[in-house]
Amino acid sequence: MNAKTQPTTPRQNRWTCSCRGRVDVHHHVSPPGWLTELKARGLLEPPCEHWSIEKSLADMDEGGVETAMLSITTPALNLEAMSKQELAALARECNEYAARIVSDYPGRFGFFAAIPLTDTDTSLREIEYAMDVLEADGVGLLTSYGNRWLGDPSFFPVMAELDRRGTVVSTHPTTPNCCVNIQPELHPSIIEFGTDTTRAIASLLINGGAQKFRNIRWIFSHAGGTMPFLIERFLRLPIFDAKLKDQFPEGVREELRRFYYDTAQVSHTAAMSALTCLVESSQILFGTDFPYRKSLDHVNGLMGCGVFDEDDLVRIDYGNAHALLPRVARER
């Protein structure tokens, strides 16, 4: 446990606001073709619709963010009624659009490639193109697809390729088919997103994906969803099912401590206290969820939550990201 009981000191305010190494690992982009598809399905939300590169840069500058890692948000490429060819074309458009932004603004952006995970062959081709040609920094996946979570064995052929490459995989929550409109008056991000991140983590643990593909470097959004709060139940998994004991020779906690977790929309005392009871600050990454939230909200939240000292903040702001994303560190 590395949670601190004393709040950060005033001198950190001057340091943090002038920081130019900060990396936002959870920053969304809105490729035009993707926007068109979402609008046609009635899925387009105002923050994405009104996103622009100018707004991204302005927010980054206000919050002292040097580099933002671009990714599309939910529903990503999990779009019904599209043929395999249409999905392949949309994935290519999204990735080339993000790659152009990276090229046009050196040092300011990186990106996590979009792939249609439910189509194995297209995903494998797009991984090869995005990583080898476009030089993507990693791959972005949703926590679930329909009613299949990331640990589903049907996804293992793609996971094997990501593992072979030692890929950074950034996950983003969504709403699975089972939980759509359970409470129509609530936006799914209020409850379902955090819950689905937890389901994805559990799926990877229980089905063996986390153990089988140990070269994948996972980033889970929003401090791991509800998982830190449910940690005692996670730790008892081998007790619930004796067959799981062999999958966790060092215990479930050690598996969870290998993952990375971002701070998007959770840069407050309750969430960060819970997360730091599980992992060290070396596993926490600065994230904002722009354009849904501002980077300065998260800068101020992390400084004021009373959990981190200055060394922790350096690691969270950019130290951990530079170690995880070598191209970002090189292009500073």
Protein backbone atom coordinates (compact mmCIF):
# COMPACT_ATOMS: atom_id res chain seq x y z
CA MET A 1 0.00 0.00 0.00
CA ASN A 2 1.44 3.35 -0.99
CA ALA A 3 -1.47 5.70 -0.29
CA LYS A 4 -0.38 8.88 1.46
CA THR A 5 -2.34 10.43 4.30
CA GLN A 6 -1.02 13.95 3.80
CA PRO A 7 -2.13 16.19 0.90
CA THR A 8 0.36 17.44 -1.65
CA THR A 9 2.23 20.63 -0.80
CA PRO A 10 1.67 24.06 -2.39
CA ARG A 11 5.01 23.96 -4.22
CA GLN A 12 3.65 21.11 -6.34
CA ASN A 13 1.10 23.44 -7.90
CA ARG A 14 3.85 25.48 -9.57
CA TRP A 15 5.67 22.34 -10.70
CA THR A 16 2.61 20.58 -12.09
CA CYS A 17 1.23 23.47 -14.11
CA SER A 18 4.56 23.90 -15.90
CA CYS A 19 5.09 20.18 -16.57
CA ARG A 20 5.77 19.58 -20.27
CA GLY A 21 6.32 15.85 -20.20
CA ARG A 22 2.82 14.80 -19.23
CA VAL A 23 1.28 11.99 -21.32
CA ASP A 24 -2.48 11.54 -21.59
CA VAL A 25 -3.06 7.86 -22.42
CA HIS A 26 -6.85 8.23 -22.68
CA HIS A 27 -7.63 10.92 -25.25
CA HIS A 28 -10.25 10.41 -27.94
CA VAL A 29 -10.24 11.26 -31.63
CA SER A 30 -13.19 11.43 -34.03
CA PRO A 31 -12.28 10.27 -37.56
CA PRO A 32 -14.81 11.63 -40.11
CA GLY A 33 -15.94 8.27 -41.52
CA TRP A 34 -16.44 6.88 -38.03
CA LEU A 35 -18.53 9.92 -37.08
CA THR A 36 -20.72 9.35 -40.12
CA GLU A 37 -21.35 5.74 -39.14
CA LEU A 38 -22.22 6.64 -35.55
CA LYS A 39 -24.55 9.43 -36.65
CA ALA A 40 -26.41 7.06 -38.99
CA ARG A 41 -27.00 4.70 -36.06
CA GLY A 42 -28.08 7.40 -33.61
CA LEU A 43 -25.00 6.71 -31.47
CA LEU A 44 -23.18 10.01 -31.89
CA GLU A 45 -22.70 11.98 -28.69
CA PRO A 46 -22.02 15.76 -28.72
CA PRO A 47 -18.46 15.65 -27.30
CA CYS A 48 -17.32 13.39 -30.13
CA GLU A 49 -19.35 15.19 -32.76
CA HIS A 50 -17.80 18.54 -31.85
CA TRP A 51 -14.23 17.29 -31.32
CA SER A 52 -11.45 18.97 -33.30
CA ILE A 53 -7.67 18.80 -33.29
CA GLU A 54 -7.61 22.46 -32.26
CA LYS A 55 -9.72 21.68 -29.19
CA SER A 56 -7.43 18.79 -28.29
CA LEU A 57 -4.33 20.95 -28.49
CA ALA A 58 -5.93 23.77 -26.50
CA ASP A 59 -6.93 21.39 -23.72
CA MET A 60 -3.50 19.77 -23.70
CA ASP A 61 -1.77 23.14 -23.45
CA GLU A 62 -4.03 24.24 -20.61
CA GLY A 63 -3.29 21.08 -18.64
CA GLY A 64 0.42 20.84 -19.44
CA VAL A 65 -0.02 17.70 -21.54
CA GLU A 66 2.85 17.23 -23.95
CA THR A 67 1.59 14.08 -25.67
CA ALA A 68 -1.90 12.60 -26.03
CA MET A 69 -2.52 9.02 -27.11
CA LEU A 70 -5.42 9.03 -29.55
CA SER A 71 -8.11 6.34 -29.67
CA ILE A 72 -11.73 6.09 -30.73
CA THR A 73 -14.26 5.65 -27.97
CA THR A 74 -17.14 3.21 -27.60
CA PRO A 75 -18.70 1.69 -29.68
CA ALA A 76 -15.36 1.79 -31.51
CA LEU A 77 -15.64 -0.71 -34.42
CA ASN A 78 -18.26 -2.88 -32.75
CA LEU A 79 -20.87 -1.78 -35.28
CA GLU A 80 -23.69 -4.03 -36.38
CA ALA A 81 -24.95 -4.34 -39.95
CA MET A 82 -21.54 -3.66 -41.49
CA SER A 83 -19.90 -6.19 -43.78
CA LYS A 84 -16.37 -7.43 -43.12
CA GLN A 85 -15.16 -5.33 -46.03
CA GLU A 86 -16.84 -2.20 -44.67
CA LEU A 87 -15.40 -2.76 -41.20
CA ALA A 88 -11.94 -3.33 -42.63
CA ALA A 89 -12.17 -0.09 -44.60
CA LEU A 90 -13.38 1.85 -41.58
CA ALA A 91 -10.59 0.48 -39.39
CA ARG A 92 -8.04 1.50 -42.00
CA GLU A 93 -9.54 4.99 -42.28
CA CYS A 94 -9.53 5.49 -38.51
CA ASN A 95 -5.91 4.39 -38.17
CA GLU A 96 -4.61 6.38 -41.11
CA TYR A 97 -6.44 9.45 -39.84
CA ALA A 98 -4.81 9.13 -36.42
CA ALA A 99 -1.40 8.44 -37.99
CA ARG A 100 -1.67 11.65 -40.04
CA ILE A 101 -2.31 13.66 -36.88
CA VAL A 102 0.76 12.07 -35.26
CA SER A 103 2.82 13.01 -38.32
CA ASP A 104 1.42 16.54 -38.59
CA TYR A 105 2.09 17.38 -34.93
CA PRO A 106 5.43 15.79 -34.02
CA GLY A 107 5.76 14.95 -30.36
CA ARG A 108 2.20 15.93 -29.49
CA PHE A 109 0.33 12.74 -30.30
CA GLY A 110 0.56 8.97 -30.46
CA PHE A 111 -2.24 6.51 -31.16
CA PHE A 112 -3.74 3.16 -30.31
CA ALA A 113 -4.93 1.40 -33.45
CA ALA A 114 -8.56 0.38 -33.87
CA ILE A 115 -9.32 -3.19 -34.91
CA PRO A 116 -12.62 -5.11 -35.33
CA LEU A 117 -11.82 -7.81 -32.76
CA THR A 118 -14.77 -10.03 -33.70
CA ASP A 119 -13.25 -10.52 -37.18
CA THR A 120 -10.01 -12.39 -36.59
CA ASP A 121 -8.56 -12.20 -40.11
CA THR A 122 -9.25 -8.48 -40.52
CA SER A 123 -7.88 -7.77 -37.06
CA LEU A 124 -4.63 -9.60 -37.79
CA ARG A 125 -4.17 -7.75 -41.09
CA GLU A 126 -4.89 -4.39 -39.49
CA ILE A 127 -2.52 -5.07 -36.59
CA GLU A 128 0.26 -5.76 -39.08
CA TYR A 129 -0.45 -2.62 -41.10
CA ALA A 130 -1.03 -0.34 -38.12
CA MET A 131 2.03 -1.48 -36.18
CA ASP A 132 4.52 -2.02 -39.02
CA VAL A 133 3.51 0.68 -41.51
CA LEU A 134 1.73 3.36 -39.48
CA GLU A 135 3.88 2.77 -36.38
CA ALA A 136 0.98 2.73 -33.96
CA ASP A 137 1.95 2.77 -30.28
CA GLY A 138 -0.44 -0.03 -29.44
CA VAL A 139 -3.95 -1.30 -30.01
CA GLY A 140 -7.25 -0.14 -28.53
CA LEU A 141 -9.93 -2.69 -27.61
CA LEU A 142 -13.33 -2.55 -26.00
CA THR A 143 -13.92 -4.44 -22.78
CA SER A 144 -16.63 -6.52 -24.44
CA TYR A 145 -18.15 -7.31 -27.82
CA GLY A 146 -21.80 -8.30 -27.66
CA ASN A 147 -21.73 -10.71 -24.74
CA ARG A 148 -18.09 -11.74 -25.10
CA TRP A 149 -15.42 -10.23 -22.88
CA LEU A 150 -11.71 -9.93 -23.63
CA GLY A 151 -10.83 -13.28 -22.10
CA ASP A 152 -13.17 -15.16 -24.43
CA PRO A 153 -11.17 -17.95 -26.16
CA SER A 154 -12.58 -16.89 -29.54
CA PHE A 155 -10.31 -13.83 -29.27
CA PHE A 156 -7.17 -15.86 -28.48
CA PRO A 157 -5.80 -15.92 -32.08
CA VAL A 158 -5.66 -12.10 -32.03
CA MET A 159 -4.32 -12.07 -28.48
CA ALA A 160 -1.54 -14.44 -29.54
CA GLU A 161 -0.38 -11.97 -32.19
CA LEU A 162 -0.56 -9.06 -29.77
CA ASP A 163 1.42 -11.14 -27.30
CA ARG A 164 4.04 -12.04 -29.92
CA ARG A 165 4.57 -8.34 -30.55
CA GLY A 166 4.58 -7.36 -26.87
CA THR A 167 1.80 -4.91 -27.67
CA VAL A 168 0.44 -2.23 -25.38
CA VAL A 169 -3.33 -2.79 -25.34
CA SER A 170 -5.50 0.04 -24.11
CA THR A 171 -9.01 -1.05 -23.14
CA HIS A 172 -12.12 1.08 -23.13
CA PRO A 173 -15.38 0.18 -21.41
CA THR A 174 -18.67 -0.24 -23.19
CA THR A 175 -22.10 -1.73 -22.51
CA PRO A 176 -22.55 -5.44 -23.28
CA ASN A 177 -25.74 -6.65 -24.91
CA CYS A 178 -26.94 -8.12 -21.63
CA CYS A 179 -27.02 -4.72 -19.92
CA VAL A 180 -28.34 -2.27 -22.50
CA ASN A 181 -31.09 -0.01 -21.12
CA ILE A 182 -31.37 -1.76 -17.78
CA GLN A 183 -31.99 1.71 -16.36
CA PRO A 184 -32.88 3.90 -19.35
CA GLU A 185 -32.74 7.03 -17.23
CA LEU A 186 -29.01 6.50 -16.60
CA HIS A 187 -26.28 6.97 -19.18
CA PRO A 188 -24.35 3.68 -19.39
CA SER A 189 -21.12 5.41 -18.38
CA ILE A 190 -22.52 5.97 -14.87
CA ILE A 191 -22.60 2.29 -13.86
CA GLU A 192 -22.17 -0.08 -16.79
CA PHE A 193 -18.77 1.15 -17.98
CA GLY A 194 -17.00 0.57 -14.68
CA THR A 195 -18.73 -2.76 -14.29
CA ASP A 196 -17.76 -3.90 -17.77
CA THR A 197 -14.10 -3.10 -17.16
CA THR A 198 -14.32 -5.33 -14.10
CA ARG A 199 -15.94 -8.09 -16.15
CA ALA A 200 -13.17 -7.85 -18.74
CA ILE A 201 -10.46 -8.16 -16.10
CA ALA A 202 -12.24 -11.15 -14.55
CA SER A 203 -12.64 -12.76 -17.96
CA LEU A 204 -8.92 -12.49 -18.70
CA LEU A 205 -8.07 -13.96 -15.32
CA ILE A 206 -10.55 -16.82 -15.23
CA ASN A 207 -10.21 -17.95 -18.86
CA GLY A 208 -6.42 -17.86 -18.68
CA GLY A 209 -5.77 -15.03 -21.11
CA ALA A 210 -3.81 -12.95 -18.62
CA GLN A 211 -1.54 -15.90 -17.86
CA LYS A 212 -1.25 -17.21 -21.42
CA PHE A 213 -0.43 -13.86 -23.06
CA ARG A 214 1.95 -12.37 -20.57
CA ASN A 215 3.73 -10.14 -23.10
CA ILE A 216 0.61 -8.04 -23.63
CA ARG A 217 0.83 -4.88 -21.56
CA TRP A 218 -2.72 -4.09 -20.54
CA ILE A 219 -4.07 -0.64 -19.69
CA PHE A 220 -7.47 -0.62 -17.99
CA SER A 221 -9.44 2.61 -17.97
CA HIS A 222 -10.94 4.44 -15.03
CA ALA A 223 -8.70 2.84 -12.37
CA GLY A 224 -9.90 -0.66 -13.25
CA GLY A 225 -13.61 0.09 -12.89
CA THR A 226 -15.11 -1.48 -9.79
CA MET A 227 -12.36 -4.10 -9.45
CA PRO A 228 -10.38 -2.35 -6.66
CA PHE A 229 -13.54 -2.16 -4.54
CA LEU A 230 -14.23 -5.86 -5.22
CA ILE A 231 -10.63 -6.92 -4.61
CA GLU A 232 -11.44 -9.28 -1.73
CA ARG A 233 -13.78 -11.26 -3.96
CA PHE A 234 -11.15 -11.39 -6.71
CA LEU A 235 -8.55 -12.68 -4.28
CA ARG A 236 -10.88 -15.51 -3.31
CA LEU A 237 -11.36 -16.77 -6.87
CA PRO A 238 -9.18 -19.88 -6.28
CA ILE A 239 -11.29 -20.65 -3.21
CA PHE A 240 -14.52 -20.43 -5.18
CA ASP A 241 -13.08 -22.68 -7.90
CA ALA A 242 -10.23 -25.00 -6.92
CA LYS A 243 -9.36 -25.52 -10.60
CA LEU A 244 -8.13 -21.91 -10.71
CA LYS A 245 -5.37 -22.45 -8.17
CA ASP A 246 -2.86 -23.56 -10.81
CA GLN A 247 -3.55 -20.42 -12.86
CA PHE A 248 -2.41 -18.15 -10.04
CA PRO A 249 0.79 -19.63 -8.60
CA GLU A 250 1.66 -16.25 -7.09
CA GLY A 251 -1.91 -15.33 -6.22
CA VAL A 252 -4.55 -13.24 -7.95
CA ARG A 253 -3.21 -10.02 -6.48
CA GLU A 254 0.10 -10.41 -8.31
CA GLU A 255 -1.72 -10.82 -11.62
CA LEU A 256 -3.69 -7.64 -11.02
CA ARG A 257 -0.52 -5.78 -10.04
CA ARG A 258 1.01 -6.44 -13.48
CA PHE A 259 -1.66 -4.39 -15.24
CA TYR A 260 -1.67 -0.63 -15.80
CA TYR A 261 -4.61 1.58 -14.82
CA ASP A 262 -5.41 5.10 -16.00
CA THR A 263 -6.85 8.02 -14.06
CA ALA A 264 -9.54 9.11 -16.53
CA GLN A 265 -12.59 10.39 -14.64
CA VAL A 266 -11.31 8.93 -11.34
CA SER A 267 -8.67 11.42 -10.20
CA HIS A 268 -10.18 11.79 -6.73
CA THR A 269 -9.45 10.53 -3.24
CA ALA A 270 -11.84 7.57 -3.13
CA ALA A 271 -10.76 5.96 -6.39
CA MET A 272 -7.05 6.67 -6.05
CA SER A 273 -6.97 5.47 -2.45
CA ALA A 274 -8.60 2.18 -3.47
CA LEU A 275 -6.31 1.72 -6.46
CA THR A 276 -3.12 2.41 -4.52
CA CYS A 277 -4.11 -0.21 -1.96
CA LEU A 278 -3.67 -2.66 -4.85
CA VAL A 279 -0.87 -1.32 -7.05
CA GLU A 280 2.13 0.96 -6.74
CA SER A 281 2.20 4.31 -8.52
CA SER A 282 4.45 2.63 -11.12
CA GLN A 283 1.28 1.06 -12.60
CA ILE A 284 -0.82 4.22 -12.82
CA LEU A 285 -1.03 6.35 -15.97
CA PHE A 286 -2.40 9.84 -16.46
CA GLY A 287 -5.60 9.80 -18.53
CA THR A 288 -8.39 12.29 -19.10
CA ASP A 289 -11.14 10.93 -21.39
CA PHE A 290 -11.01 14.11 -23.48
CA PRO A 291 -13.32 15.46 -24.96
CA TYR A 292 -15.63 14.19 -22.22
CA ARG A 293 -13.42 15.71 -19.52
CA LYS A 294 -10.59 18.24 -19.38
CA SER A 295 -6.96 17.52 -18.64
CA LEU A 296 -6.78 20.29 -16.04
CA ASP A 297 -9.57 18.57 -14.06
CA HIS A 298 -7.30 15.57 -13.69
CA VAL A 299 -4.15 17.54 -12.97
CA ASN A 300 -5.90 19.33 -10.13
CA GLY A 301 -7.64 16.16 -8.97
CA LEU A 302 -4.44 14.14 -8.68
CA MET A 303 -2.62 16.98 -6.93
CA GLY A 304 -5.42 17.58 -4.47
CA CYS A 305 -6.57 14.06 -3.69
CA GLY A 306 -4.03 13.64 -0.88
CA VAL A 307 -2.85 10.23 -2.09
CA PHE A 308 0.36 11.00 -4.01
CA ASP A 309 3.67 12.70 -3.27
CA GLU A 310 5.74 14.51 -5.88
CA ASP A 311 7.64 11.41 -6.96
CA ASP A 312 4.37 9.56 -7.49
CA LEU A 313 3.03 12.41 -9.61
CA VAL A 314 6.13 12.37 -11.81
CA ARG A 315 5.64 8.67 -12.45
CA ILE A 316 1.92 9.05 -13.14
CA ASP A 317 2.28 12.17 -15.29
CA TYR A 318 4.93 10.84 -17.65
CA GLY A 319 7.55 8.52 -16.15
CA ASN A 320 5.47 5.35 -16.45
CA ALA A 321 4.17 6.26 -19.89
CA HIS A 322 7.64 6.97 -21.23
CA ALA A 323 8.80 3.54 -20.09
CA LEU A 324 5.72 1.88 -21.58
CA LEU A 325 5.62 3.85 -24.85
CA PRO A 326 9.23 4.21 -26.09
CA ARG A 327 8.38 6.20 -29.25
CA VAL A 328 6.71 8.86 -27.15
CA ALA A 329 9.82 9.15 -24.99
CA ARG A 330 12.11 9.34 -28.05
CA GLU A 331 10.16 12.12 -29.71
CA ARG A 332 10.21 14.48 -26.74
